[in-house]
Amino acid sequence: MKGDGKGDDNVVFIGKKGLMNYVLAVVTQFNNGENDVIIKARGKAISRAVDVAEVVKNRFILDAKITDIQISTEEITGEEGQIKVSAIEITLNKK
């Protein structure tokens, strides 16, 4: 998952908080003038990232569209050494 030279101002990282916390973060990014917001998640948080994207585009920003989905495998160092974790980036665009 490569950056495009821009900062992470328009990126929302999904973790263990409640769904609506992340939905609010994405909606706030759009309300602050961003045209694209990237939702990133790894491992078990991937399903929550998909839920966030769907809730944002179906309930809050009705003209938002999913323009890109990137999947990858990242190696992270855990207690057991190097482990591979699935990752996803979902790009939402508001016209």
C-alpha atoms as a PDB file:
ATOM      1  CA  MET A   1       0.000   0.000   0.000  1.00  0.00           C
ATOM      2  CA  LYS A   2       1.941   2.890  -1.329  1.00  0.00           C
ATOM      3  CA  GLY A   3       1.436   6.555  -0.564  1.00  0.00           C
ATOM      4  CA  ASP A   4       1.050   9.087  -3.319  1.00  0.00           C
ATOM      5  CA  GLY A   5       3.203  11.788  -1.768  1.00  0.00           C
ATOM      6  CA  LYS A   6       0.340  13.387   0.131  1.00  0.00           C
ATOM      7  CA  GLY A   7       0.088  13.335   3.904  1.00  0.00           C
ATOM      8  CA  ASP A   8      -2.275  11.083   5.790  1.00  0.00           C
ATOM      9  CA  ASP A   9      -4.819  13.890   6.253  1.00  0.00           C
ATOM     10  CA  ASN A  10      -7.462  12.010   4.275  1.00  0.00           C
ATOM     11  CA  VAL A  11      -6.779   8.540   5.763  1.00  0.00           C
ATOM     12  CA  VAL A  12      -8.908   6.872   8.440  1.00  0.00           C
ATOM     13  CA  PHE A  13      -7.288   3.873  10.129  1.00  0.00           C
ATOM     14  CA  ILE A  14      -9.794   1.310  11.393  1.00  0.00           C
ATOM     15  CA  GLY A  15      -9.160  -0.344  14.757  1.00  0.00           C
ATOM     16  CA  LYS A  16     -11.222  -1.648  17.660  1.00  0.00           C
ATOM     17  CA  LYS A  17     -13.491   1.338  18.355  1.00  0.00           C
ATOM     18  CA  GLY A  18     -17.167   1.345  17.523  1.00  0.00           C
ATOM     19  CA  LEU A  19     -18.336   1.567  13.934  1.00  0.00           C
ATOM     20  CA  MET A  20     -19.875   5.019  14.267  1.00  0.00           C
ATOM     21  CA  ASN A  21     -16.589   6.525  15.513  1.00  0.00           C
ATOM     22  CA  TYR A  22     -15.013   5.717  12.155  1.00  0.00           C
ATOM     23  CA  VAL A  23     -18.100   6.743  10.174  1.00  0.00           C
ATOM     24  CA  LEU A  24     -17.946  10.141  11.912  1.00  0.00           C
ATOM     25  CA  ALA A  25     -14.235  10.438  11.108  1.00  0.00           C
ATOM     26  CA  VAL A  26     -14.865   9.787   7.388  1.00  0.00           C
ATOM     27  CA  VAL A  27     -17.836  12.181   7.241  1.00  0.00           C
ATOM     28  CA  THR A  28     -15.747  14.836   9.011  1.00  0.00           C
ATOM     29  CA  GLN A  29     -13.001  14.472   6.391  1.00  0.00           C
ATOM     30  CA  PHE A  30     -15.528  15.045   3.608  1.00  0.00           C
ATOM     31  CA  ASN A  31     -17.054  18.015   5.448  1.00  0.00           C
ATOM     32  CA  ASN A  32     -13.554  19.517   5.797  1.00  0.00           C
ATOM     33  CA  GLY A  33     -13.248  19.647   2.011  1.00  0.00           C
ATOM     34  CA  GLU A  34     -11.587  16.345   1.129  1.00  0.00           C
ATOM     35  CA  ASN A  35     -12.779  14.829  -2.163  1.00  0.00           C
ATOM     36  CA  ASP A  36     -11.196  11.433  -1.452  1.00  0.00           C
ATOM     37  CA  VAL A  37     -11.003   9.611   1.873  1.00  0.00           C
ATOM     38  CA  ILE A  38      -9.043   6.375   2.266  1.00  0.00           C
ATOM     39  CA  ILE A  39     -10.203   3.814   4.810  1.00  0.00           C
ATOM     40  CA  LYS A  40      -7.374   1.472   5.877  1.00  0.00           C
ATOM     41  CA  ALA A  41      -7.590  -1.681   7.968  1.00  0.00           C
ATOM     42  CA  ARG A  42      -5.650  -4.853   8.734  1.00  0.00           C
ATOM     43  CA  GLY A  43      -6.640  -8.305   9.916  1.00  0.00           C
ATOM     44  CA  LYS A  44      -9.899  -8.641  11.801  1.00  0.00           C
ATOM     45  CA  ALA A  45     -10.707  -4.930  11.275  1.00  0.00           C
ATOM     46  CA  ILE A  46     -11.193  -5.437   7.511  1.00  0.00           C
ATOM     47  CA  SER A  47     -14.888  -6.288   7.892  1.00  0.00           C
ATOM     48  CA  ARG A  48     -15.380  -3.145  10.005  1.00  0.00           C
ATOM     49  CA  ALA A  49     -13.721  -1.063   7.249  1.00  0.00           C
ATOM     50  CA  VAL A  50     -16.188  -2.438   4.695  1.00  0.00           C
ATOM     51  CA  ASP A  51     -19.063  -1.638   7.067  1.00  0.00           C
ATOM     52  CA  VAL A  52     -17.779   1.933   7.529  1.00  0.00           C
ATOM     53  CA  ALA A  53     -17.609   2.499   3.763  1.00  0.00           C
ATOM     54  CA  GLU A  54     -21.120   1.128   3.252  1.00  0.00           C
ATOM     55  CA  VAL A  55     -22.669   3.164   6.092  1.00  0.00           C
ATOM     56  CA  VAL A  56     -21.007   6.374   4.875  1.00  0.00           C
ATOM     57  CA  LYS A  57     -22.159   5.993   1.268  1.00  0.00           C
ATOM     58  CA  ASN A  58     -25.657   4.656   2.024  1.00  0.00           C
ATOM     59  CA  ARG A  59     -26.667   6.848   4.972  1.00  0.00           C
ATOM     60  CA  PHE A  60     -24.524   9.980   5.278  1.00  0.00           C
ATOM     61  CA  ILE A  61     -22.799  10.981   2.027  1.00  0.00           C
ATOM     62  CA  LEU A  62     -25.237   9.659  -0.565  1.00  0.00           C
ATOM     63  CA  ASP A  63     -23.170  10.876  -3.518  1.00  0.00           C
ATOM     64  CA  ALA A  64     -20.005   9.112  -2.286  1.00  0.00           C
ATOM     65  CA  LYS A  65     -18.699   6.301  -4.473  1.00  0.00           C
ATOM     66  CA  ILE A  66     -16.106   3.605  -3.874  1.00  0.00           C
ATOM     67  CA  THR A  67     -13.476   4.385  -6.506  1.00  0.00           C
ATOM     68  CA  ASP A  68     -10.707   1.968  -5.526  1.00  0.00           C
ATOM     69  CA  ILE A  69     -10.074  -1.066  -3.357  1.00  0.00           C
ATOM     70  CA  GLN A  70      -6.519  -2.272  -2.735  1.00  0.00           C
ATOM     71  CA  ILE A  71      -5.702  -5.488  -0.913  1.00  0.00           C
ATOM     72  CA  SER A  72      -2.308  -6.656   0.267  1.00  0.00           C
ATOM     73  CA  THR A  73      -0.426  -8.722   2.800  1.00  0.00           C
ATOM     74  CA  GLU A  74       1.818  -6.964   5.294  1.00  0.00           C
ATOM     75  CA  GLU A  75       4.504  -8.535   7.440  1.00  0.00           C
ATOM     76  CA  ILE A  76       4.533  -7.355  11.017  1.00  0.00           C
ATOM     77  CA  THR A  77       6.640  -8.403  13.969  1.00  0.00           C
ATOM     78  CA  GLY A  78       4.528 -10.012  16.659  1.00  0.00           C
ATOM     79  CA  GLU A  79       5.262 -12.028  19.770  1.00  0.00           C
ATOM     80  CA  GLU A  80       5.788 -15.103  17.581  1.00  0.00           C
ATOM     81  CA  GLY A  81       8.157 -13.275  15.226  1.00  0.00           C
ATOM     82  CA  GLN A  82       7.242 -12.231  11.680  1.00  0.00           C
ATOM     83  CA  ILE A  83       3.591 -12.799  10.819  1.00  0.00           C
ATOM     84  CA  LYS A  84       1.634 -11.960   7.686  1.00  0.00           C
ATOM     85  CA  VAL A  85      -1.548  -9.933   8.019  1.00  0.00           C
ATOM     86  CA  SER A  86      -4.092  -9.108   5.325  1.00  0.00           C
ATOM     87  CA  ALA A  87      -4.747  -5.421   4.694  1.00  0.00           C
ATOM     88  CA  ILE A  88      -7.254  -3.355   2.720  1.00  0.00           C
ATOM     89  CA  GLU A  89      -7.550   0.241   1.502  1.00  0.00           C
ATOM     90  CA  ILE A  90     -10.956   1.482   0.403  1.00  0.00           C
ATOM     91  CA  THR A  91     -11.037   4.855  -1.387  1.00  0.00           C
ATOM     92  CA  LEU A  92     -14.278   6.819  -1.190  1.00  0.00           C
ATOM     93  CA  ASN A  93     -14.806   9.782  -3.514  1.00  0.00           C
ATOM     94  CA  LYS A  94     -17.385  12.543  -3.189  1.00  0.00           C
ATOM     95  CA  LYS A  95     -18.065  14.461  -6.387  1.00  0.00           C
END
